[in-house]
Protein backbone atom coordinates (compact mmCIF):
# COMPACT_ATOMS: atom_id res chain seq x y z
CA MET A 1 0.00 0.00 0.00
CA LEU A 2 2.86 2.37 0.80
CA MET A 3 4.55 1.42 -2.45
CA THR A 4 1.41 2.37 -4.37
CA LEU A 5 1.15 5.71 -2.55
CA VAL A 6 4.77 6.79 -2.90
CA ASN A 7 5.08 5.66 -6.54
CA ASN A 8 1.98 7.47 -7.79
CA PRO A 9 1.75 11.12 -6.73
CA GLY A 10 -0.37 13.45 -8.78
CA ASP A 11 2.67 15.61 -9.46
CA TRP A 12 6.29 14.62 -8.82
CA GLY A 13 7.07 18.31 -8.29
CA ASN A 14 4.69 18.45 -5.34
CA VAL A 15 5.12 15.55 -2.91
CA ILE A 16 4.75 15.63 0.88
CA THR A 17 8.10 15.23 2.63
CA PRO A 18 7.60 11.72 4.12
CA PHE A 19 6.83 10.41 0.62
CA LEU A 20 10.14 11.62 -0.79
CA HIS A 21 13.37 9.65 -0.81
CA ALA A 22 16.32 11.16 1.02
CA GLU A 23 18.23 13.48 -1.31
CA TRP A 24 21.27 11.21 -0.93
CA HIS A 25 22.53 10.13 2.50
CA GLY A 26 19.85 9.60 5.17
CA CYS A 27 16.56 7.76 5.42
CA THR A 28 12.91 8.75 5.11
CA PRO A 29 9.78 6.55 5.55
CA THR A 30 9.75 6.10 1.77
CA ASP A 31 13.30 4.72 1.89
CA LEU A 32 12.03 1.89 4.09
CA VAL A 33 9.45 0.50 1.67
CA PHE A 34 11.85 -1.43 -0.56
CA PRO A 35 14.03 -3.01 2.16
CA TYR A 36 10.84 -4.15 3.91
CA PHE A 37 9.92 -5.97 0.68
CA LEU A 38 13.27 -7.79 0.70
CA PHE A 39 13.05 -8.47 4.43
CA ILE A 40 9.67 -10.10 3.78
CA VAL A 41 11.20 -12.11 0.91
CA GLY A 42 13.48 -13.72 3.48
CA ILE A 43 10.65 -14.38 5.94
CA THR A 44 8.32 -15.89 3.34
CA THR A 45 11.12 -18.06 1.93
CA VAL A 46 11.12 -19.76 5.33
CA LEU A 47 7.32 -19.89 5.64
CA ALA A 48 7.09 -21.51 2.19
CA SER A 49 9.60 -24.19 3.15
CA PRO A 50 9.95 -24.52 6.96
CA GLU A 51 12.29 -27.50 6.56
CA PRO A 52 14.91 -26.53 3.97
CA SER A 53 15.96 -29.08 1.38
CA PHE A 54 17.52 -28.91 -2.05
CA ASN A 55 16.95 -30.98 -5.18
CA SER A 56 16.53 -30.44 -8.90
CA ASP A 57 12.77 -29.87 -8.65
CA LYS A 58 13.17 -27.19 -6.00
CA PHE A 59 15.96 -25.52 -7.96
CA LEU A 60 13.70 -25.45 -11.02
CA LYS A 61 10.85 -23.93 -9.03
CA ILE A 62 13.10 -21.27 -7.51
CA SER A 63 14.60 -20.49 -10.91
CA VAL A 64 11.24 -20.13 -12.64
CA ARG A 65 9.92 -17.87 -9.88
CA GLY A 66 13.01 -15.65 -9.93
CA LEU A 67 13.02 -15.40 -13.73
CA ARG A 68 9.31 -14.58 -13.81
CA ILE A 69 9.70 -11.71 -11.36
CA PHE A 70 12.78 -10.39 -13.18
CA THR A 71 11.10 -10.55 -16.60
CA LEU A 72 7.92 -8.83 -15.37
CA GLY A 73 10.05 -5.97 -14.04
CA LEU A 74 11.99 -5.73 -17.28
CA PHE A 75 8.79 -5.69 -19.34
CA LEU A 76 7.55 -2.74 -17.25
CA ASN A 77 10.60 -0.80 -18.43
CA PHE A 78 9.82 -1.68 -22.05
CA PHE A 79 6.08 -0.94 -21.98
CA SER A 80 6.13 2.80 -22.75
CA LYS A 81 8.79 2.37 -25.44
CA ILE A 82 6.89 -0.17 -27.54
CA GLN A 83 6.16 1.12 -31.06
CA LEU A 84 4.62 -0.57 -34.11
CA PHE A 85 4.52 0.70 -37.72
CA GLY A 86 4.17 4.32 -36.63
CA LEU A 87 0.94 3.70 -34.70
CA GLU A 88 -0.07 6.42 -32.25
CA GLY A 89 -2.85 7.14 -29.78
CA TYR A 90 -5.36 4.44 -28.93
CA GLY A 91 -4.12 2.10 -31.65
CA LEU A 92 -0.66 1.98 -30.08
CA LEU A 93 -2.21 1.65 -26.63
CA ALA A 94 -4.21 -1.37 -27.83
CA VAL A 95 -1.02 -3.02 -29.16
CA ARG A 96 0.76 -2.43 -25.85
CA LEU A 97 -2.15 -3.86 -23.85
CA ILE A 98 -2.29 -6.94 -26.08
CA LEU A 99 1.40 -7.49 -25.32
CA VAL A 100 0.66 -7.06 -21.59
CA ALA A 101 -2.00 -9.77 -21.85
CA LEU A 102 0.41 -12.04 -23.73
CA VAL A 103 3.21 -11.56 -21.20
CA TYR A 104 0.77 -12.07 -18.34
CA TYR A 105 -0.41 -15.34 -19.89
CA LEU A 106 3.08 -16.64 -20.59
CA LEU A 107 4.56 -15.72 -17.22
CA LEU A 108 1.75 -16.06 -14.71
CA THR A 109 -0.40 -18.92 -16.02
CA LYS A 110 0.23 -22.15 -14.12
CA TYR A 111 1.35 -25.13 -16.19
CA ASP A 112 4.23 -27.60 -16.37
CA LEU A 113 7.33 -26.10 -14.73
CA LYS A 114 9.67 -26.94 -17.60
CA LYS A 115 7.32 -25.32 -20.08
CA GLN A 116 7.10 -22.30 -17.78
CA LEU A 117 10.90 -22.12 -17.80
CA TYR A 118 11.00 -22.17 -21.61
CA ALA A 119 8.28 -19.51 -21.78
CA VAL A 120 9.95 -17.10 -19.38
CA LEU A 121 13.39 -17.59 -20.94
CA SER A 122 11.88 -16.87 -24.36
CA VAL A 123 10.30 -13.60 -23.22
CA LEU A 124 13.44 -12.56 -21.31
CA SER A 125 15.69 -13.36 -24.27
CA ILE A 126 13.55 -11.29 -26.63
CA LEU A 127 13.62 -8.29 -24.27
CA LEU A 128 17.38 -8.45 -23.75
CA PHE A 129 17.90 -8.94 -27.49
CA LEU A 130 15.88 -5.80 -28.20
CA ALA A 131 17.82 -3.84 -25.56
CA TYR A 132 21.32 -4.84 -26.63
CA LEU A 133 20.97 -5.27 -30.40
CA PRO A 134 20.20 -2.30 -30.17
CA VAL A 135 16.77 -1.80 -31.74
CA SER A 136 15.62 1.76 -32.33
CA GLY A 137 13.61 2.94 -29.33
CA PHE A 138 15.10 0.41 -26.94
CA GLU A 139 18.78 1.39 -27.00
CA GLU A 140 18.44 3.18 -23.65
CA VAL A 141 15.77 1.04 -21.99
CA ARG A 142 16.55 0.48 -18.32
CA ILE A 143 17.60 -3.06 -17.36
CA PRO A 144 17.55 -2.88 -13.52
CA GLY A 145 14.44 -2.15 -11.44
CA VAL A 146 12.63 -2.96 -8.24
CA LEU A 147 11.18 -6.30 -9.40
CA GLN A 148 14.51 -7.22 -10.94
CA ARG A 149 16.27 -6.72 -7.60
CA ILE A 150 13.56 -8.63 -5.75
CA ALA A 151 14.02 -11.48 -8.24
CA LEU A 152 17.80 -11.61 -7.82
CA VAL A 153 17.63 -11.41 -4.03
CA TYR A 154 14.90 -14.06 -3.88
CA PHE A 155 16.83 -16.44 -6.12
CA VAL A 156 20.09 -16.17 -4.16
CA VAL A 157 18.44 -16.19 -0.72
CA ALA A 158 16.21 -19.18 -1.55
CA ILE A 159 19.20 -21.18 -2.83
CA LEU A 160 21.33 -20.28 0.20
CA TYR A 161 18.51 -21.04 2.65
CA ASN A 162 17.88 -24.47 1.18
CA LYS A 163 21.57 -25.45 0.90
CA PHE A 164 23.27 -24.01 3.99
CA SER A 165 22.82 -23.92 7.75
CA LEU A 166 21.73 -20.80 9.62
CA GLU A 167 25.27 -20.44 10.95
CA ALA A 168 26.62 -20.43 7.39
CA LEU A 169 23.95 -17.94 6.33
CA GLY A 170 25.01 -15.63 9.15
CA GLY A 171 28.61 -15.86 7.98
CA ILE A 172 27.60 -15.15 4.38
CA ALA A 173 25.59 -12.09 5.42
CA LEU A 174 28.53 -10.79 7.44
CA VAL A 175 30.94 -11.28 4.54
CA LEU A 176 28.55 -9.52 2.15
CA LEU A 177 28.11 -6.51 4.42
CA LEU A 178 31.75 -6.13 5.44
CA GLY A 179 33.00 -6.96 1.93
CA TYR A 180 30.70 -4.36 0.36
CA TRP A 181 31.87 -1.76 2.88
CA ALA A 182 35.51 -2.60 2.21
CA ALA A 183 35.02 -2.44 -1.56
CA MET A 184 33.19 0.88 -1.42
CA ALA A 185 35.68 2.39 1.02
CA LEU A 186 38.99 1.06 -0.28
CA ILE A 187 38.77 0.71 -4.08
CA PRO A 188 39.82 4.03 -5.62
CA ILE A 189 37.70 5.75 -8.26
CA ASP A 190 39.53 8.43 -10.27
CA GLY A 191 42.42 7.94 -7.88
CA VAL A 192 40.37 8.59 -4.75
CA ALA A 193 39.05 5.92 -2.35
CA GLY A 194 36.17 6.14 0.09
CA VAL A 195 34.01 8.52 -1.95
CA PHE A 196 30.23 7.92 -1.79
CA ASP A 197 28.97 10.68 -4.11
CA LYS A 198 26.22 10.07 -6.67
CA ASP A 199 28.47 9.60 -9.69
CA VAL A 200 31.74 8.89 -7.98
CA ASN A 201 31.56 5.61 -6.09
CA VAL A 202 32.49 1.99 -6.68
CA ALA A 203 28.91 0.80 -7.24
CA ALA A 204 28.26 3.39 -9.96
CA ALA A 205 31.59 2.64 -11.66
CA PHE A 206 30.89 -1.11 -11.61
CA ASP A 207 27.39 -0.68 -13.04
CA ARG A 208 28.67 1.51 -15.85
CA LEU A 209 30.86 -1.37 -16.99
CA PHE A 210 27.85 -3.62 -17.58
CA LEU A 211 24.82 -1.33 -17.84
CA GLU A 212 26.10 1.70 -19.75
CA GLY A 213 23.14 3.23 -21.56
CA HIS A 214 20.65 1.03 -19.71
CA MET A 215 20.48 2.69 -16.31
CA TRP A 216 17.92 4.85 -14.52
CA SER A 217 16.83 7.62 -16.89
CA SER A 218 16.96 10.29 -14.17
CA SER A 219 20.68 9.78 -13.70
CA LYS A 220 22.06 7.76 -16.65
CA THR A 221 25.39 7.40 -14.79
CA TRP A 222 24.25 5.30 -11.80
CA ASP A 223 21.25 3.18 -10.88
CA PRO A 224 19.57 2.82 -7.46
CA GLU A 225 18.86 -0.84 -8.28
CA GLY A 226 22.19 -1.52 -9.93
CA LEU A 227 24.14 -4.78 -9.96
CA PHE A 228 26.83 -4.03 -7.38
CA SER A 229 24.47 -2.66 -4.72
CA THR A 230 22.38 -5.83 -5.05
CA ILE A 231 25.16 -7.63 -3.13
CA PRO A 232 24.29 -6.08 0.27
CA ALA A 233 20.57 -6.30 -0.61
CA ILE A 234 21.00 -10.09 -0.44
CA ALA A 235 21.96 -9.61 3.21
CA THR A 236 18.62 -7.85 3.78
CA GLY A 237 16.88 -11.03 2.59
CA ILE A 238 19.11 -13.22 4.76
CA LEU A 239 18.23 -11.20 7.85
CA GLY A 240 14.58 -11.86 6.96
CA VAL A 241 15.36 -15.59 6.86
CA PHE A 242 16.61 -15.43 10.46
CA VAL A 243 13.41 -13.70 11.54
CA GLY A 244 11.31 -16.22 9.62
CA LYS A 245 13.02 -19.16 11.33
CA PHE A 246 12.58 -17.46 14.68
CA LEU A 247 8.85 -16.88 14.11
CA ILE A 248 8.18 -20.57 13.40
CA GLY A 249 10.25 -21.61 16.41
CA GLU A 250 8.96 -22.89 19.71
CA LYS A 251 9.46 -19.82 21.90
CA SER A 252 6.40 -18.27 23.53
CA LYS A 253 4.60 -15.38 21.88
CA THR A 254 5.85 -13.03 24.59
CA ASP A 255 9.43 -14.12 24.02
CA LYS A 256 9.06 -13.67 20.28
CA VAL A 257 7.88 -10.09 20.73
CA ASN A 258 10.66 -9.35 23.22
CA TYR A 259 13.40 -10.83 21.06
CA LEU A 260 12.15 -8.97 17.98
CA VAL A 261 12.24 -5.72 19.94
CA PHE A 262 15.72 -6.36 21.31
CA ALA A 263 17.05 -7.41 17.90
CA GLY A 264 15.41 -4.40 16.27
CA ILE A 265 16.93 -1.94 18.72
CA ALA A 266 20.36 -3.55 18.38
CA LEU A 267 20.26 -3.44 14.57
CA VAL A 268 19.04 0.18 14.51
CA ALA A 269 21.83 1.17 16.90
CA LEU A 270 24.42 -0.70 14.81
CA GLY A 271 23.18 0.99 11.65
CA TYR A 272 23.23 4.40 13.31
CA PHE A 273 26.84 4.06 14.48
CA TRP A 274 27.99 2.46 11.21
CA HIS A 275 26.47 5.48 9.47
CA LYS A 276 29.32 7.58 10.90
CA VAL A 277 31.81 5.88 8.55
CA PHE A 278 29.54 4.32 5.90
CA PRO A 279 26.48 6.58 5.48
CA ILE A 280 22.95 5.19 5.48
CA ASN A 281 22.00 5.46 1.81
CA LYS A 282 19.23 3.64 -0.05
CA ALA A 283 20.54 4.31 -3.56
CA LEU A 284 23.88 2.71 -2.62
CA TRP A 285 22.14 0.16 -0.34
CA THR A 286 24.98 0.65 2.12
CA SER A 287 25.70 -1.93 4.82
CA SER A 288 24.60 0.54 7.50
CA TYR A 289 21.30 0.96 5.63
CA VAL A 290 20.82 -2.83 5.56
CA VAL A 291 21.07 -3.27 9.33
CA TYR A 292 19.26 -0.01 10.13
CA SER A 293 16.25 -0.82 7.92
CA ALA A 294 16.19 -4.46 9.10
CA GLY A 295 16.12 -3.21 12.68
CA LEU A 296 13.15 -0.94 11.99
CA ALA A 297 11.42 -3.78 10.12
CA SER A 298 11.89 -6.03 13.17
CA LEU A 299 10.34 -3.39 15.42
CA VAL A 300 7.35 -2.93 13.10
CA LEU A 301 6.93 -6.71 12.92
CA ALA A 302 7.09 -6.93 16.73
CA ILE A 303 4.20 -4.45 16.99
CA ILE A 304 2.13 -6.34 14.41
CA TYR A 305 2.89 -9.69 16.03
CA PHE A 306 1.96 -8.33 19.46
CA LEU A 307 -1.37 -6.97 18.21
CA VAL A 308 -2.36 -9.96 16.07
CA GLU A 309 -0.90 -12.93 17.95
CA GLN A 310 -0.85 -11.82 21.55
CA LEU A 311 -3.88 -9.54 21.75
CA ASP A 312 -5.76 -11.41 18.97
CA SER A 313 -6.64 -8.03 17.44
CA LYS A 314 -7.36 -8.79 13.79
CA PHE A 315 -10.32 -6.58 12.90
CA TRP A 316 -8.03 -3.97 11.31
CA THR A 317 -6.02 -6.37 9.15
CA LYS A 318 -8.45 -7.03 6.28
CA PRO A 319 -7.34 -4.13 4.00
CA PHE A 320 -3.74 -5.25 4.38
CA LEU A 321 -4.66 -8.87 3.64
CA ILE A 322 -6.53 -7.76 0.52
CA PHE A 323 -3.39 -6.06 -0.78
CA GLY A 324 -0.97 -8.62 0.62
CA VAL A 325 -2.36 -11.74 -1.04
CA ASN A 326 -1.98 -10.25 -4.54
CA PRO A 327 1.35 -8.41 -4.37
CA ILE A 328 2.57 -9.22 -7.88
CA LEU A 329 -0.76 -8.17 -9.39
CA ILE A 330 -0.75 -4.76 -7.69
CA PHE A 331 2.95 -4.13 -8.32
CA PHE A 332 2.90 -5.01 -12.00
CA PHE A 333 -0.39 -3.47 -13.03
CA SER A 334 -0.09 -0.39 -10.81
CA GLY A 335 3.06 0.27 -12.83
CA ILE A 336 1.28 -0.31 -16.15
CA LEU A 337 -1.82 1.76 -15.42
CA PRO A 338 -0.20 5.22 -15.07
CA ARG A 339 1.34 4.65 -18.49
CA VAL A 340 -2.12 3.81 -19.79
CA PHE A 341 -3.57 6.95 -18.18
CA SER A 342 -1.02 9.05 -20.07
CA SER A 343 -2.50 7.71 -23.34
CA ILE A 344 -6.14 8.46 -22.43
CA LYS A 345 -7.09 11.98 -23.47
CA ILE A 346 -9.80 14.21 -22.04
CA GLY A 347 -9.82 17.17 -24.35
CA SER A 348 -6.21 18.21 -24.76
CA GLU A 349 -5.10 16.66 -21.47
CA SER A 350 -4.19 13.15 -20.38
CA LEU A 351 -6.41 11.57 -17.73
CA GLN A 352 -4.10 12.00 -14.74
CA PRO A 353 -3.27 15.71 -15.30
CA PHE A 354 -7.00 16.35 -15.84
CA VAL A 355 -8.00 14.77 -12.52
CA TYR A 356 -5.04 16.30 -10.69
CA ARG A 357 -5.81 19.79 -12.04
CA ASN A 358 -9.34 19.52 -10.67
CA LEU A 359 -8.05 18.25 -7.32
CA SER A 360 -5.69 21.22 -7.14
CA THR A 361 -8.71 23.55 -7.10
CA VAL A 362 -9.92 21.84 -3.91
CA PHE A 363 -6.60 21.91 -1.99
CA THR A 364 -4.77 25.14 -1.25
CA ASP A 365 -1.47 23.24 -1.00
CA LEU A 366 -0.52 21.44 -4.22
CA LYS A 367 1.34 18.78 -2.22
CA TYR A 368 -1.95 17.64 -0.72
CA ALA A 369 -3.62 17.69 -4.12
CA SER A 370 -0.82 15.40 -5.27
CA LEU A 371 -1.40 13.20 -2.22
CA GLY A 372 -5.14 13.24 -2.99
CA TRP A 373 -4.46 11.67 -6.40
CA ALA A 374 -2.25 9.00 -4.79
CA ILE A 375 -5.00 8.15 -2.27
CA LEU A 376 -7.63 7.97 -5.03
CA TYR A 377 -5.34 5.64 -6.96
CA LEU A 378 -4.88 3.47 -3.87
CA LEU A 379 -8.66 3.29 -3.33
CA PHE A 380 -9.13 2.41 -6.99
CA TRP A 381 -6.84 -0.58 -6.54
CA PHE A 382 -8.40 -1.48 -3.23
CA LEU A 383 -11.80 -1.93 -4.93
CA ILE A 384 -10.24 -4.13 -7.62
CA LEU A 385 -8.26 -6.23 -5.15
CA ALA A 386 -11.27 -6.55 -2.82
CA TRP A 387 -13.21 -8.10 -5.69
CA PHE A 388 -10.30 -10.49 -6.37
CA TYR A 389 -10.16 -11.35 -2.66
CA ARG A 390 -13.90 -12.05 -2.54
CA LYS A 391 -13.61 -14.31 -5.60
CA LYS A 392 -10.50 -15.99 -4.09
CA ILE A 393 -8.39 -15.05 -7.11
CA PHE A 394 -4.75 -14.92 -6.07
CA VAL A 395 -2.07 -14.22 -8.68
CA LYS A 396 1.20 -15.88 -7.66
CA VAL A 397 4.62 -16.31 -9.20
């Protein structure tokens, strides 16, 4: 729900402060949305397989799921760039929506796992071929993205969880966090080491080697979901695994709440002090950011667990369940729909500017008009997802 709100303001030039990312170093509520996703990836990896095991069938299942998520995210980046024989307006929109339906069918329809693997590899290969050929219109399409990072983190974390002990996982997480810090602090860029500026840092330099021309359009020289900064993001997922194993353990509910609180405070404190030498930074996904955000996630989870499990207070959870059981549906299509809105004209305006302009006459502060659009968009999706929930339609990868 937070993701939907922060990703869809009425006007990116007018956004309330909590819904903005930190300018560079630092952390806002919006900067916590993505690491919470990855933290949950770790938890749900455990819940899906309480007793870890590894065989060819499980590897195939993990691979198909990871590739599906990655390919859906990559297709989102392609959607607005799709052209066909000079079509414009509603004709082009219809072509794009037909391709959405085709991709949805190929990637999210349940059938034989091996056939699913062939289908997703076919779609992914076509997209990468178009990006790197290069084909006109796609030569600067972005390769990384939120779903792509979720896919990579899920794949690695799921493999590690099913192959290694918790002790080994802890060691791997420590190596990832300390190794990333060492690399960022010690490898010189332009002759200078330990620089964490937007364009001048090890992660940006590494990504330019492999993603030149295919990075975030707002920067072009670095990417907040780049390859190198995905390394510490894996540690975010691993920390979620530890919490997941703890939650299914035999300790009492009171102990679980207490331990989550203690762990959360310890991680927040560690992140805060690490920040002094390796700044908390979402775009770089710094090691301090990993432990700081995981600590806050543990504290939030402790509150939820206390309310739901200890106090048996569940009356307020239904809206969150409605969104939570269809996460891939809301993420994918809430990314498609704004692009569709930009193609729907009301007079000389697109749909979103038209609605936002009318909202701005109601609010004296344009930031709250922008928030009003985001809330309307959230309610729009709530009605759709409530219908899916009532019909027991759950889209899974």
